[in-house]
Protein backbone atom coordinates (compact mmCIF):
# COMPACT_ATOMS: atom_id res chain seq x y z
CA MET A 1 115.02 39.32 174.75
CA ALA A 2 114.75 43.04 174.10
CA ILE A 3 117.08 44.68 171.62
CA ALA A 4 117.12 47.93 173.60
CA ARG A 5 115.88 49.50 176.81
CA LEU A 6 114.24 52.87 177.32
CA PRO A 7 116.43 54.39 180.02
CA LEU A 8 115.65 58.03 179.28
CA ILE A 9 113.20 60.32 177.52
CA VAL A 10 114.77 63.52 176.12
CA ILE A 11 112.72 66.64 175.42
CA ASP A 12 114.01 69.66 173.49
CA CYS A 13 113.16 73.06 174.97
CA PRO A 14 114.41 76.65 175.36
CA ASP A 15 115.07 76.49 179.14
CA PRO A 16 116.00 73.03 180.49
CA GLY A 17 116.15 74.11 184.13
CA ALA A 18 112.68 75.63 184.12
CA LEU A 19 111.15 72.60 182.44
CA ALA A 20 112.95 70.18 184.79
CA ARG A 21 111.69 72.11 187.81
CA PHE A 22 108.14 71.99 186.41
CA TYR A 23 108.16 68.20 185.81
CA GLY A 24 110.15 67.55 188.99
CA ALA A 25 107.51 69.33 191.06
CA MET A 26 104.61 67.70 189.22
CA LEU A 27 106.01 64.16 189.56
CA ASP A 28 107.83 64.72 192.88
CA TRP A 29 111.10 63.55 191.27
CA GLU A 30 114.64 64.73 191.97
CA THR A 31 115.85 67.56 189.72
CA ASP A 32 119.40 68.02 188.40
CA VAL A 33 120.18 71.17 186.40
CA SER A 34 123.26 72.21 184.40
CA PRO A 35 123.56 75.08 181.89
CA ASP A 36 122.34 73.34 178.70
CA ARG A 37 120.56 70.30 180.05
CA ALA A 38 118.61 69.16 183.06
CA SER A 39 116.86 66.03 184.22
CA VAL A 40 114.32 64.69 186.67
CA CYS A 41 114.52 61.15 188.04
CA SER A 42 112.32 58.98 190.21
CA GLY A 43 113.66 56.81 192.97
CA ASP A 44 113.32 53.69 190.78
CA GLY A 45 115.44 54.91 187.86
CA ARG A 46 112.85 56.47 185.53
CA CYS A 47 114.17 59.75 184.10
CA ILE A 48 113.25 62.57 181.75
CA SER A 49 116.00 64.79 180.36
CA PHE A 50 115.63 68.29 178.89
CA HIS A 51 118.07 69.73 176.34
CA ARG A 52 118.44 73.37 175.32
CA VAL A 53 117.68 74.04 171.64
CA ALA A 54 118.47 77.38 170.02
CA ASP A 55 115.50 78.95 168.23
CA TYR A 56 113.11 76.42 169.79
CA THR A 57 109.61 76.46 168.28
CA PRO A 58 106.88 74.80 170.34
CA PRO A 59 104.43 72.35 168.76
CA GLU A 60 100.87 73.35 167.87
CA TRP A 61 98.29 70.90 169.10
CA PRO A 62 95.94 69.60 167.76
CA THR A 63 96.98 70.80 164.30
CA GLN A 64 99.96 69.30 162.53
CA ASP A 65 101.37 72.66 161.43
CA ARG A 66 104.10 72.00 163.97
CA PRO A 67 103.64 68.38 165.18
CA GLN A 68 103.62 67.47 168.86
CA GLN A 69 107.13 66.01 168.75
CA MET A 70 106.15 64.11 171.91
CA HIS A 71 103.67 64.17 174.74
CA LEU A 72 103.38 62.61 178.16
CA ASP A 73 100.28 61.08 179.72
CA VAL A 74 100.34 61.09 183.50
CA ILE A 75 97.80 59.32 185.70
CA VAL A 76 95.97 61.33 188.39
CA ASP A 77 93.27 60.48 190.91
CA ASP A 78 91.38 63.80 190.62
CA LEU A 79 91.39 65.86 187.42
CA ASP A 80 90.25 69.08 189.10
CA ALA A 81 92.84 68.95 191.88
CA ALA A 82 95.59 67.99 189.44
CA GLU A 83 94.63 70.84 187.11
CA VAL A 84 95.00 73.37 189.91
CA ALA A 85 98.36 71.90 190.89
CA VAL A 86 99.89 71.87 187.38
CA THR A 87 98.65 75.34 186.52
CA ASP A 88 100.17 76.60 189.77
CA LEU A 89 103.46 75.11 188.52
CA GLY A 90 103.21 76.97 185.20
CA ALA A 91 101.17 74.73 182.89
CA THR A 92 98.41 76.14 180.71
CA ARG A 93 95.16 74.31 180.05
CA HIS A 94 94.74 73.94 176.30
CA GLU A 95 91.62 75.57 174.90
CA LYS A 96 90.69 72.41 172.98
CA GLN A 97 89.62 69.50 175.16
CA THR A 98 88.53 66.37 173.31
CA GLY A 99 87.86 63.86 176.09
CA THR A 100 86.23 63.51 179.48
CA SER A 101 88.67 61.14 181.21
CA TYR A 102 91.70 63.32 180.50
CA ARG A 103 92.67 66.98 180.09
CA VAL A 104 95.26 68.46 177.77
CA PHE A 105 97.77 71.02 179.05
CA LEU A 106 100.86 72.75 177.72
CA ASP A 107 104.02 72.66 179.81
CA PRO A 108 106.01 75.89 180.21
CA ALA A 109 107.84 75.21 176.91
CA GLY A 110 104.61 74.53 175.00
CA HIS A 111 104.69 70.70 174.88
CA PRO A 112 101.27 69.11 175.26
CA PHE A 113 100.76 66.65 178.09
CA CYS A 114 97.65 64.98 179.46
CA LEU A 115 96.37 64.44 182.95
CA CYS A 116 94.49 61.13 182.75
CA LEU A 117 92.19 59.21 185.06
CA ASN A 118 92.88 55.48 185.44
């Protein structure tokens, strides 16, 4: 029996609403925004929450000068099509790409995330 469950992932950022709208659009999840926090949730109960942090400093990947803090890997069927879609939403492709079956991007708050093939 598990000691705990993982009901929610929480990500610090400067603008919770903007980041929730980005991930909500990318994942096609419902977005809920309030002044200092926001969330996106799937129909089956998976959620990501975003909390406002004063003086937020984004991570620097791949160096550890400011560690990642977290990153998400999301599965896609077509890397090229997914890249166009996430950059249209506000993501930035990271200049350093270390693999061929995934691509590293920065969300609008500077968190790295990867688009991955199965």
